[in-house]
Amino acid sequence: MKFFLHDAAETELDQAVAYYESCKQGLGIELAEEVYRAVSLAIAFPEAGGPCSMNTRRLLVRRFPFGVIYRVKGQMVQVVAVSDLRRRPGYWCDRLM
């Protein structure tokens, strides 16, 4: 199984990594590692995440207030959002079109 990172999800990850890196050197890299650990879990076990909406699931990122929102289409895990859990819920729903 492979994965695809939505452009907006990639931007969210890049911004979060830059923010945490500005707080403490190396912290942004640790965030990225935890996000990709969650993505790897979704690839290995597509139903591991809890249902988030009708067609999506969410895996929480360890140590950071983020969730990986994804959906499975065939043999592809599509990461829709790297969601800061402090943001408005469901802001990413328009990405499902």
PDB file of N, CA and C in Angstrom:
ATOM      1  N   MET A   1       0.850  -1.179   0.000  1.00  0.00           N
ATOM      2  CA  MET A   1       0.000   0.000   0.000  1.00  0.00           C
ATOM      3  C   MET A   1       0.894   1.240   0.000  1.00  0.00           C
ATOM      4  N   LYS A   2       0.453   2.276  -0.714  1.00  0.00           N
ATOM      5  CA  LYS A   2       1.189   3.530  -0.811  1.00  0.00           C
ATOM      6  C   LYS A   2       0.381   4.640  -0.153  1.00  0.00           C
ATOM      7  N   PHE A   3       0.989   5.839  -0.073  1.00  0.00           N
ATOM      8  CA  PHE A   3       0.241   6.963   0.466  1.00  0.00           C
ATOM      9  C   PHE A   3       0.437   8.199  -0.400  1.00  0.00           C
ATOM     10  N   PHE A   4      -0.541   9.072  -0.310  1.00  0.00           N
ATOM     11  CA  PHE A   4      -0.529  10.342  -1.024  1.00  0.00           C
ATOM     12  C   PHE A   4      -0.827  11.431  -0.005  1.00  0.00           C
ATOM     13  N   LEU A   5      -0.022  12.479   0.001  1.00  0.00           N
ATOM     14  CA  LEU A   5      -0.194  13.603   0.919  1.00  0.00           C
ATOM     15  C   LEU A   5      -0.820  14.759   0.142  1.00  0.00           C
ATOM     16  N   HIS A   6      -2.035  15.135   0.505  1.00  0.00           N
ATOM     17  CA  HIS A   6      -2.719  16.272  -0.123  1.00  0.00           C
ATOM     18  C   HIS A   6      -1.806  17.496  -0.011  1.00  0.00           C
ATOM     19  N   ASP A   7      -1.823  18.360  -1.033  1.00  0.00           N
ATOM     20  CA  ASP A   7      -0.966  19.559  -1.027  1.00  0.00           C
ATOM     21  C   ASP A   7      -1.183  20.405   0.221  1.00  0.00           C
ATOM     22  N   ALA A   8      -2.424  20.577   0.625  1.00  0.00           N
ATOM     23  CA  ALA A   8      -2.721  21.386   1.811  1.00  0.00           C
ATOM     24  C   ALA A   8      -2.206  20.706   3.079  1.00  0.00           C
ATOM     25  N   ALA A   9      -2.259  19.373   3.122  1.00  0.00           N
ATOM     26  CA  ALA A   9      -1.736  18.636   4.276  1.00  0.00           C
ATOM     27  C   ALA A   9      -0.220  18.788   4.343  1.00  0.00           C
ATOM     28  N   GLU A  10       0.425  18.773   3.189  1.00  0.00           N
ATOM     29  CA  GLU A  10       1.879  18.967   3.152  1.00  0.00           C
ATOM     30  C   GLU A  10       2.250  20.367   3.645  1.00  0.00           C
ATOM     31  N   THR A  11       1.460  21.355   3.247  1.00  0.00           N
ATOM     32  CA  THR A  11       1.688  22.727   3.715  1.00  0.00           C
ATOM     33  C   THR A  11       1.511  22.817   5.226  1.00  0.00           C
ATOM     34  N   GLU A  12       0.459  22.176   5.741  1.00  0.00           N
ATOM     35  CA  GLU A  12       0.227  22.177   7.195  1.00  0.00           C
ATOM     36  C   GLU A  12       1.406  21.564   7.931  1.00  0.00           C
ATOM     37  N   LEU A  13       1.896  20.447   7.416  1.00  0.00           N
ATOM     38  CA  LEU A  13       3.033  19.785   8.056  1.00  0.00           C
ATOM     39  C   LEU A  13       4.267  20.673   8.007  1.00  0.00           C
ATOM     40  N   ASP A  14       4.544  21.256   6.849  1.00  0.00           N
ATOM     41  CA  ASP A  14       5.708  22.137   6.711  1.00  0.00           C
ATOM     42  C   ASP A  14       5.646  23.310   7.689  1.00  0.00           C
ATOM     43  N   GLN A  15       4.465  23.921   7.808  1.00  0.00           N
ATOM     44  CA  GLN A  15       4.303  25.062   8.711  1.00  0.00           C
ATOM     45  C   GLN A  15       4.476  24.646  10.172  1.00  0.00           C
ATOM     46  N   ALA A  16       3.911  23.496  10.526  1.00  0.00           N
ATOM     47  CA  ALA A  16       4.028  23.024  11.906  1.00  0.00           C
ATOM     48  C   ALA A  16       5.480  22.676  12.236  1.00  0.00           C
ATOM     49  N   VAL A  17       6.166  22.037  11.301  1.00  0.00           N
ATOM     50  CA  VAL A  17       7.578  21.694  11.516  1.00  0.00           C
ATOM     51  C   VAL A  17       8.387  22.976  11.703  1.00  0.00           C
ATOM     52  N   ALA A  18       8.154  23.971  10.860  1.00  0.00           N
ATOM     53  CA  ALA A  18       8.887  25.238  10.971  1.00  0.00           C
ATOM     54  C   ALA A  18       8.615  25.911  12.317  1.00  0.00           C
ATOM     55  N   TYR A  19       7.353  25.894  12.757  1.00  0.00           N
ATOM     56  CA  TYR A  19       7.016  26.506  14.042  1.00  0.00           C
ATOM     57  C   TYR A  19       7.739  25.802  15.191  1.00  0.00           C
ATOM     58  N   TYR A  20       7.625  24.475  15.255  1.00  0.00           N
ATOM     59  CA  TYR A  20       8.251  23.740  16.352  1.00  0.00           C
ATOM     60  C   TYR A  20       9.770  23.822  16.291  1.00  0.00           C
ATOM     61  N   GLU A  21      10.311  23.901  15.094  1.00  0.00           N
ATOM     62  CA  GLU A  21      11.766  24.036  14.948  1.00  0.00           C
ATOM     63  C   GLU A  21      12.218  25.400  15.477  1.00  0.00           C
ATOM     64  N   SER A  22      11.364  26.431  15.298  1.00  0.00           N
ATOM     65  CA  SER A  22      11.710  27.763  15.808  1.00  0.00           C
ATOM     66  C   SER A  22      11.634  27.812  17.332  1.00  0.00           C
ATOM     67  N   CYS A  23      10.822  26.929  17.914  1.00  0.00           N
ATOM     68  CA  CYS A  23      10.714  26.862  19.377  1.00  0.00           C
ATOM     69  C   CYS A  23      11.931  26.184  19.989  1.00  0.00           C
ATOM     70  N   LYS A  24      12.365  25.106  19.355  1.00  0.00           N
ATOM     71  CA  LYS A  24      13.513  24.354  19.859  1.00  0.00           C
ATOM     72  C   LYS A  24      14.109  23.549  18.707  1.00  0.00           C
ATOM     73  N   GLN A  25      15.394  23.698  18.527  1.00  0.00           N
ATOM     74  CA  GLN A  25      16.055  22.990  17.430  1.00  0.00           C
ATOM     75  C   GLN A  25      15.858  21.480  17.583  1.00  0.00           C
ATOM     76  N   GLY A  26      15.404  20.857  16.502  1.00  0.00           N
ATOM     77  CA  GLY A  26      15.184  19.420  16.497  1.00  0.00           C
ATOM     78  C   GLY A  26      13.747  19.026  16.791  1.00  0.00           C
ATOM     79  N   LEU A  27      12.962  19.916  17.394  1.00  0.00           N
ATOM     80  CA  LEU A  27      11.589  19.582  17.758  1.00  0.00           C
ATOM     81  C   LEU A  27      10.701  19.435  16.516  1.00  0.00           C
ATOM     82  N   GLY A  28      10.949  20.255  15.512  1.00  0.00           N
ATOM     83  CA  GLY A  28      10.184  20.148  14.274  1.00  0.00           C
ATOM     84  C   GLY A  28      10.420  18.816  13.581  1.00  0.00           C
ATOM     85  N   ILE A  29      11.662  18.364  13.598  1.00  0.00           N
ATOM     86  CA  ILE A  29      11.998  17.062  13.003  1.00  0.00           C
ATOM     87  C   ILE A  29      11.299  15.947  13.776  1.00  0.00           C
ATOM     88  N   GLU A  30      11.245  16.078  15.093  1.00  0.00           N
ATOM     89  CA  GLU A  30      10.551  15.072  15.907  1.00  0.00           C
ATOM     90  C   GLU A  30       9.061  15.035  15.562  1.00  0.00           C
ATOM     91  N   LEU A  31       8.460  16.198  15.325  1.00  0.00           N
ATOM     92  CA  LEU A  31       7.059  16.239  14.908  1.00  0.00           C
ATOM     93  C   LEU A  31       6.887  15.502  13.581  1.00  0.00           C
ATOM     94  N   ALA A  32       7.740  15.805  12.609  1.00  0.00           N
ATOM     95  CA  ALA A  32       7.641  15.154  11.300  1.00  0.00           C
ATOM     96  C   ALA A  32       7.772  13.637  11.436  1.00  0.00           C
ATOM     97  N   GLU A  33       8.692  13.182  12.278  1.00  0.00           N
ATOM     98  CA  GLU A  33       8.869  11.743  12.496  1.00  0.00           C
ATOM     99  C   GLU A  33       7.600  11.118  13.071  1.00  0.00           C
ATOM    100  N   GLU A  34       6.965  11.796  14.011  1.00  0.00           N
ATOM    101  CA  GLU A  34       5.742  11.272  14.625  1.00  0.00           C
ATOM    102  C   GLU A  34       4.581  11.257  13.623  1.00  0.00           C
ATOM    103  N   VAL A  35       4.506  12.277  12.777  1.00  0.00           N
ATOM    104  CA  VAL A  35       3.459  12.302  11.750  1.00  0.00           C
ATOM    105  C   VAL A  35       3.659  11.132  10.794  1.00  0.00           C
ATOM    106  N   TYR A  36       4.895  10.921  10.347  1.00  0.00           N
ATOM    107  CA  TYR A  36       5.147   9.819   9.416  1.00  0.00           C
ATOM    108  C   TYR A  36       5.011   8.454  10.086  1.00  0.00           C
ATOM    109  N   ARG A  37       5.203   8.403  11.381  1.00  0.00           N
ATOM    110  CA  ARG A  37       4.933   7.159  12.113  1.00  0.00           C
ATOM    111  C   ARG A  37       3.428   6.858  12.062  1.00  0.00           C
ATOM    112  N   ALA A  38       2.597   7.882  12.231  1.00  0.00           N
ATOM    113  CA  ALA A  38       1.146   7.698  12.149  1.00  0.00           C
ATOM    114  C   ALA A  38       0.734   7.295  10.734  1.00  0.00           C
ATOM    115  N   VAL A  39       1.352   7.912   9.721  1.00  0.00           N
ATOM    116  CA  VAL A  39       1.052   7.552   8.330  1.00  0.00           C
ATOM    117  C   VAL A  39       1.448   6.098   8.070  1.00  0.00           C
ATOM    118  N   SER A  40       2.598   5.684   8.581  1.00  0.00           N
ATOM    119  CA  SER A  40       3.040   4.292   8.416  1.00  0.00           C
ATOM    120  C   SER A  40       2.062   3.320   9.066  1.00  0.00           C
ATOM    121  N   LEU A  41       1.522   3.706  10.212  1.00  0.00           N
ATOM    122  CA  LEU A  41       0.528   2.872  10.877  1.00  0.00           C
ATOM    123  C   LEU A  41      -0.732   2.754  10.017  1.00  0.00           C
ATOM    124  N   ALA A  42      -1.142   3.874   9.415  1.00  0.00           N
ATOM    125  CA  ALA A  42      -2.323   3.855   8.544  1.00  0.00           C
ATOM    126  C   ALA A  42      -2.085   2.977   7.320  1.00  0.00           C
ATOM    127  N   ILE A  43      -0.872   2.972   6.809  1.00  0.00           N
ATOM    128  CA  ILE A  43      -0.548   2.134   5.652  1.00  0.00           C
ATOM    129  C   ILE A  43      -0.593   0.658   6.042  1.00  0.00           C
ATOM    130  N   ALA A  44      -0.004   0.337   7.182  1.00  0.00           N
ATOM    131  CA  ALA A  44       0.055  -1.061   7.628  1.00  0.00           C
ATOM    132  C   ALA A  44      -1.310  -1.568   8.093  1.00  0.00           C
ATOM    133  N   PHE A  45      -2.059  -0.701   8.751  1.00  0.00           N
ATOM    134  CA  PHE A  45      -3.365  -1.076   9.310  1.00  0.00           C
ATOM    135  C   PHE A  45      -4.368   0.026   8.971  1.00  0.00           C
ATOM    136  N   PRO A  46      -4.941  -0.017   7.764  1.00  0.00           N
ATOM    137  CA  PRO A  46      -5.795   1.079   7.294  1.00  0.00           C
ATOM    138  C   PRO A  46      -6.981   1.422   8.202  1.00  0.00           C
ATOM    139  N   GLU A  47      -7.454   0.480   8.976  1.00  0.00           N
ATOM    140  CA  GLU A  47      -8.592   0.766   9.842  1.00  0.00           C
ATOM    141  C   GLU A  47      -8.170   1.084  11.274  1.00  0.00           C
ATOM    142  N   ALA A  48      -6.896   1.377  11.473  1.00  0.00           N
ATOM    143  CA  ALA A  48      -6.390   1.669  12.820  1.00  0.00           C
ATOM    144  C   ALA A  48      -6.958   2.969  13.373  1.00  0.00           C
ATOM    145  N   GLY A  49      -7.140   3.948  12.519  1.00  0.00           N
ATOM    146  CA  GLY A  49      -7.648   5.232  12.985  1.00  0.00           C
ATOM    147  C   GLY A  49      -9.132   5.175  13.272  1.00  0.00           C
ATOM    148  N   GLY A  50      -9.539   5.980  14.219  1.00  0.00           N
ATOM    149  CA  GLY A  50     -10.958   6.054  14.542  1.00  0.00           C
ATOM    150  C   GLY A  50     -11.717   6.816  13.468  1.00  0.00           C
ATOM    151  N   PRO A  51     -12.965   6.467  13.237  1.00  0.00           N
ATOM    152  CA  PRO A  51     -13.758   7.182  12.240  1.00  0.00           C
ATOM    153  C   PRO A  51     -13.829   8.668  12.578  1.00  0.00           C
ATOM    154  N   CYS A  52     -13.636   9.478  11.555  1.00  0.00           N
ATOM    155  CA  CYS A  52     -13.619  10.931  11.750  1.00  0.00           C
ATOM    156  C   CYS A  52     -14.814  11.578  11.055  1.00  0.00           C
ATOM    157  N   SER A  53     -15.087  11.115   9.871  1.00  0.00           N
ATOM    158  CA  SER A  53     -16.276  11.516   9.129  1.00  0.00           C
ATOM    159  C   SER A  53     -16.716  10.294   8.336  1.00  0.00           C
ATOM    160  N   MET A  54     -17.638  10.486   7.423  1.00  0.00           N
ATOM    161  CA  MET A  54     -18.191   9.347   6.710  1.00  0.00           C
ATOM    162  C   MET A  54     -17.126   8.478   6.026  1.00  0.00           C
ATOM    163  N   ASN A  55     -16.127   9.091   5.420  1.00  0.00           N
ATOM    164  CA  ASN A  55     -15.124   8.340   4.665  1.00  0.00           C
ATOM    165  C   ASN A  55     -13.704   8.523   5.165  1.00  0.00           C
ATOM    166  N   THR A  56     -13.538   9.146   6.305  1.00  0.00           N
ATOM    167  CA  THR A  56     -12.178   9.417   6.789  1.00  0.00           C
ATOM    168  C   THR A  56     -11.951   8.812   8.173  1.00  0.00           C
ATOM    169  N   ARG A  57     -10.679   8.692   8.489  1.00  0.00           N
ATOM    170  CA  ARG A  57     -10.253   8.204   9.804  1.00  0.00           C
ATOM    171  C   ARG A  57      -9.185   9.151  10.339  1.00  0.00           C
ATOM    172  N   ARG A  58      -8.984   9.104  11.659  1.00  0.00           N
ATOM    173  CA  ARG A  58      -7.986   9.964  12.275  1.00  0.00           C
ATOM    174  C   ARG A  58      -7.099   9.156  13.213  1.00  0.00           C
ATOM    175  N   LEU A  59      -5.808   9.353  13.049  1.00  0.00           N
ATOM    176  CA  LEU A  59      -4.821   8.826  13.989  1.00  0.00           C
ATOM    177  C   LEU A  59      -4.183   9.996  14.713  1.00  0.00           C
ATOM    178  N   LEU A  60      -4.092   9.902  16.019  1.00  0.00           N
ATOM    179  CA  LEU A  60      -3.453  10.956  16.792  1.00  0.00           C
ATOM    180  C   LEU A  60      -1.946  10.815  16.696  1.00  0.00           C
ATOM    181  N   VAL A  61      -1.271  11.947  16.695  1.00  0.00           N
ATOM    182  CA  VAL A  61       0.187  11.997  16.640  1.00  0.00           C
ATOM    183  C   VAL A  61       0.693  12.030  18.072  1.00  0.00           C
ATOM    184  N   ARG A  62       1.620  11.135  18.371  1.00  0.00           N
ATOM    185  CA  ARG A  62       2.166  11.093  19.737  1.00  0.00           C
ATOM    186  C   ARG A  62       2.940  12.371  20.039  1.00  0.00           C
ATOM    187  N   ARG A  63       2.805  12.838  21.282  1.00  0.00           N
ATOM    188  CA  ARG A  63       3.554  13.958  21.842  1.00  0.00           C
ATOM    189  C   ARG A  63       3.161  15.333  21.326  1.00  0.00           C
ATOM    190  N   PHE A  64       2.350  15.413  20.293  1.00  0.00           N
ATOM    191  CA  PHE A  64       2.001  16.701  19.703  1.00  0.00           C
ATOM    192  C   PHE A  64       0.484  16.771  19.506  1.00  0.00           C
ATOM    193  N   PRO A  65      -0.090  17.989  19.538  1.00  0.00           N
ATOM    194  CA  PRO A  65      -1.546  18.123  19.394  1.00  0.00           C
ATOM    195  C   PRO A  65      -1.996  18.104  17.927  1.00  0.00           C
ATOM    196  N   PHE A  66      -1.674  17.015  17.242  1.00  0.00           N
ATOM    197  CA  PHE A  66      -2.015  16.883  15.831  1.00  0.00           C
ATOM    198  C   PHE A  66      -2.665  15.535  15.571  1.00  0.00           C
ATOM    199  N   GLY A  67      -3.464  15.502  14.522  1.00  0.00           N
ATOM    200  CA  GLY A  67      -4.057  14.262  14.064  1.00  0.00           C
ATOM    201  C   GLY A  67      -3.827  14.126  12.570  1.00  0.00           C
ATOM    202  N   VAL A  68      -3.625  12.910  12.107  1.00  0.00           N
ATOM    203  CA  VAL A  68      -3.503  12.643  10.677  1.00  0.00           C
ATOM    204  C   VAL A  68      -4.878  12.174  10.211  1.00  0.00           C
ATOM    205  N   ILE A  69      -5.498  12.977   9.356  1.00  0.00           N
ATOM    206  CA  ILE A  69      -6.807  12.648   8.799  1.00  0.00           C
ATOM    207  C   ILE A  69      -6.558  11.992   7.446  1.00  0.00           C
ATOM    208  N   TYR A  70      -7.115  10.794   7.265  1.00  0.00           N
ATOM    209  CA  TYR A  70      -6.851  10.078   6.023  1.00  0.00           C
ATOM    210  C   TYR A  70      -8.070   9.281   5.585  1.00  0.00           C
ATOM    211  N   ARG A  71      -8.032   8.869   4.336  1.00  0.00           N
ATOM    212  CA  ARG A  71      -9.031   7.949   3.814  1.00  0.00           C
ATOM    213  C   ARG A  71      -8.315   6.914   2.963  1.00  0.00           C
ATOM    214  N   VAL A  72      -8.934   5.768   2.831  1.00  0.00           N
ATOM    215  CA  VAL A  72      -8.350   4.668   2.060  1.00  0.00           C
ATOM    216  C   VAL A  72      -9.148   4.524   0.777  1.00  0.00           C
ATOM    217  N   LYS A  73      -8.438   4.561  -0.337  1.00  0.00           N
ATOM    218  CA  LYS A  73      -9.066   4.360  -1.649  1.00  0.00           C
ATOM    219  C   LYS A  73      -8.264   3.285  -2.357  1.00  0.00           C
ATOM    220  N   GLY A  74      -8.827   2.098  -2.422  1.00  0.00           N
ATOM    221  CA  GLY A  74      -8.119   0.978  -3.047  1.00  0.00           C
ATOM    222  C   GLY A  74      -6.870   0.639  -2.255  1.00  0.00           C
ATOM    223  N   GLN A  75      -5.731   0.701  -2.905  1.00  0.00           N
ATOM    224  CA  GLN A  75      -4.446   0.409  -2.266  1.00  0.00           C
ATOM    225  C   GLN A  75      -3.693   1.691  -1.906  1.00  0.00           C
ATOM    226  N   MET A  76      -4.425   2.787  -1.729  1.00  0.00           N
ATOM    227  CA  MET A  76      -3.817   4.086  -1.455  1.00  0.00           C
ATOM    228  C   MET A  76      -4.387   4.683  -0.178  1.00  0.00           C
ATOM    229  N   VAL A  77      -3.495   5.142   0.700  1.00  0.00           N
ATOM    230  CA  VAL A  77      -3.896   5.925   1.867  1.00  0.00           C
ATOM    231  C   VAL A  77      -3.710   7.383   1.475  1.00  0.00           C
ATOM    232  N   GLN A  78      -4.798   8.127   1.447  1.00  0.00           N
ATOM    233  CA  GLN A  78      -4.747   9.539   1.093  1.00  0.00           C
ATOM    234  C   GLN A  78      -4.808  10.368   2.366  1.00  0.00           C
ATOM    235  N   VAL A  79      -3.725  11.075   2.662  1.00  0.00           N
ATOM    236  CA  VAL A  79      -3.682  11.938   3.845  1.00  0.00           C
ATOM    237  C   VAL A  79      -4.314  13.266   3.444  1.00  0.00           C
ATOM    238  N   VAL A  80      -5.450  13.547   4.045  1.00  0.00           N
ATOM    239  CA  VAL A  80      -6.235  14.737   3.721  1.00  0.00           C
ATOM    240  C   VAL A  80      -5.756  15.942   4.521  1.00  0.00           C
ATOM    241  N   ALA A  81      -5.354  15.714   5.769  1.00  0.00           N
ATOM    242  CA  ALA A  81      -4.930  16.825   6.624  1.00  0.00           C
ATOM    243  C   ALA A  81      -3.970  16.334   7.697  1.00  0.00           C
ATOM    244  N   VAL A  82      -3.047  17.211   8.045  1.00  0.00           N
ATOM    245  CA  VAL A  82      -2.240  17.055   9.250  1.00  0.00           C
ATOM    246  C   VAL A  82      -2.792  18.145  10.154  1.00  0.00           C
ATOM    247  N   SER A  83      -3.804  17.748  10.907  1.00  0.00           N
ATOM    248  CA  SER A  83      -4.678  18.687  11.589  1.00  0.00           C
ATOM    249  C   SER A  83      -4.185  19.056  12.984  1.00  0.00           C
ATOM    250  N   ASP A  84      -4.036  20.358  13.197  1.00  0.00           N
ATOM    251  CA  ASP A  84      -3.786  20.874  14.536  1.00  0.00           C
ATOM    252  C   ASP A  84      -5.111  20.721  15.279  1.00  0.00           C
ATOM    253  N   LEU A  85      -5.129  19.928  16.316  1.00  0.00           N
ATOM    254  CA  LEU A  85      -6.374  19.608  17.017  1.00  0.00           C
ATOM    255  C   LEU A  85      -6.991  20.807  17.735  1.00  0.00           C
ATOM    256  N   ARG A  86      -6.252  21.911  17.773  1.00  0.00           N
ATOM    257  CA  ARG A  86      -6.785  23.125  18.398  1.00  0.00           C
ATOM    258  C   ARG A  86      -7.535  23.995  17.391  1.00  0.00           C
ATOM    259  N   ARG A  87      -7.516  23.592  16.118  1.00  0.00           N
ATOM    260  CA  ARG A  87      -8.225  24.334  15.076  1.00  0.00           C
ATOM    261  C   ARG A  87      -9.689  23.923  15.024  1.00  0.00           C
ATOM    262  N   ARG A  88     -10.434  24.658  14.235  1.00  0.00           N
ATOM    263  CA  ARG A  88     -11.851  24.377  14.032  1.00  0.00           C
ATOM    264  C   ARG A  88     -12.012  22.977  13.433  1.00  0.00           C
ATOM    265  N   PRO A  89     -12.787  22.111  14.064  1.00  0.00           N
ATOM    266  CA  PRO A  89     -12.980  20.751  13.540  1.00  0.00           C
ATOM    267  C   PRO A  89     -13.600  20.764  12.143  1.00  0.00           C
ATOM    268  N   GLY A  90     -13.151  19.874  11.315  1.00  0.00           N
ATOM    269  CA  GLY A  90     -13.740  19.692   9.996  1.00  0.00           C
ATOM    270  C   GLY A  90     -13.355  20.722   8.962  1.00  0.00           C
ATOM    271  N   TYR A  91     -12.407  21.617   9.271  1.00  0.00           N
ATOM    272  CA  TYR A  91     -12.004  22.655   8.323  1.00  0.00           C
ATOM    273  C   TYR A  91     -11.494  22.074   7.002  1.00  0.00           C
ATOM    274  N   TRP A  92     -11.078  20.841   7.046  1.00  0.00           N
ATOM    275  CA  TRP A  92     -10.458  20.179   5.893  1.00  0.00           C
ATOM    276  C   TRP A  92     -11.467  19.447   5.012  1.00  0.00           C
ATOM    277  N   CYS A  93     -12.731  19.446   5.369  1.00  0.00           N
ATOM    278  CA  CYS A  93     -13.751  18.647   4.655  1.00  0.00           C
ATOM    279  C   CYS A  93     -13.850  18.956   3.173  1.00  0.00           C
ATOM    280  N   ASP A  94     -13.597  20.212   2.777  1.00  0.00           N
ATOM    281  CA  ASP A  94     -13.688  20.555   1.356  1.00  0.00           C
ATOM    282  C   ASP A  94     -12.583  19.901   0.525  1.00  0.00           C
ATOM    283  N   ARG A  95     -11.593  19.339   1.165  1.00  0.00           N
ATOM    284  CA  ARG A  95     -10.510  18.636   0.456  1.00  0.00           C
ATOM    285  C   ARG A  95     -10.922  17.258  -0.036  1.00  0.00           C
ATOM    286  N   LEU A  96     -12.067  16.782   0.381  1.00  0.00           N
ATOM    287  CA  LEU A  96     -12.505  15.444   0.020  1.00  0.00           C
ATOM    288  C   LEU A  96     -13.110  15.380  -1.377  1.00  0.00           C
ATOM    289  N   MET A  97     -13.314  16.498  -2.007  1.00  0.00           N
ATOM    290  CA  MET A  97     -13.918  16.506  -3.349  1.00  0.00           C
ATOM    291  C   MET A  97     -12.955  16.018  -4.391  1.00  0.00           C
TER     292      MET A  97
END
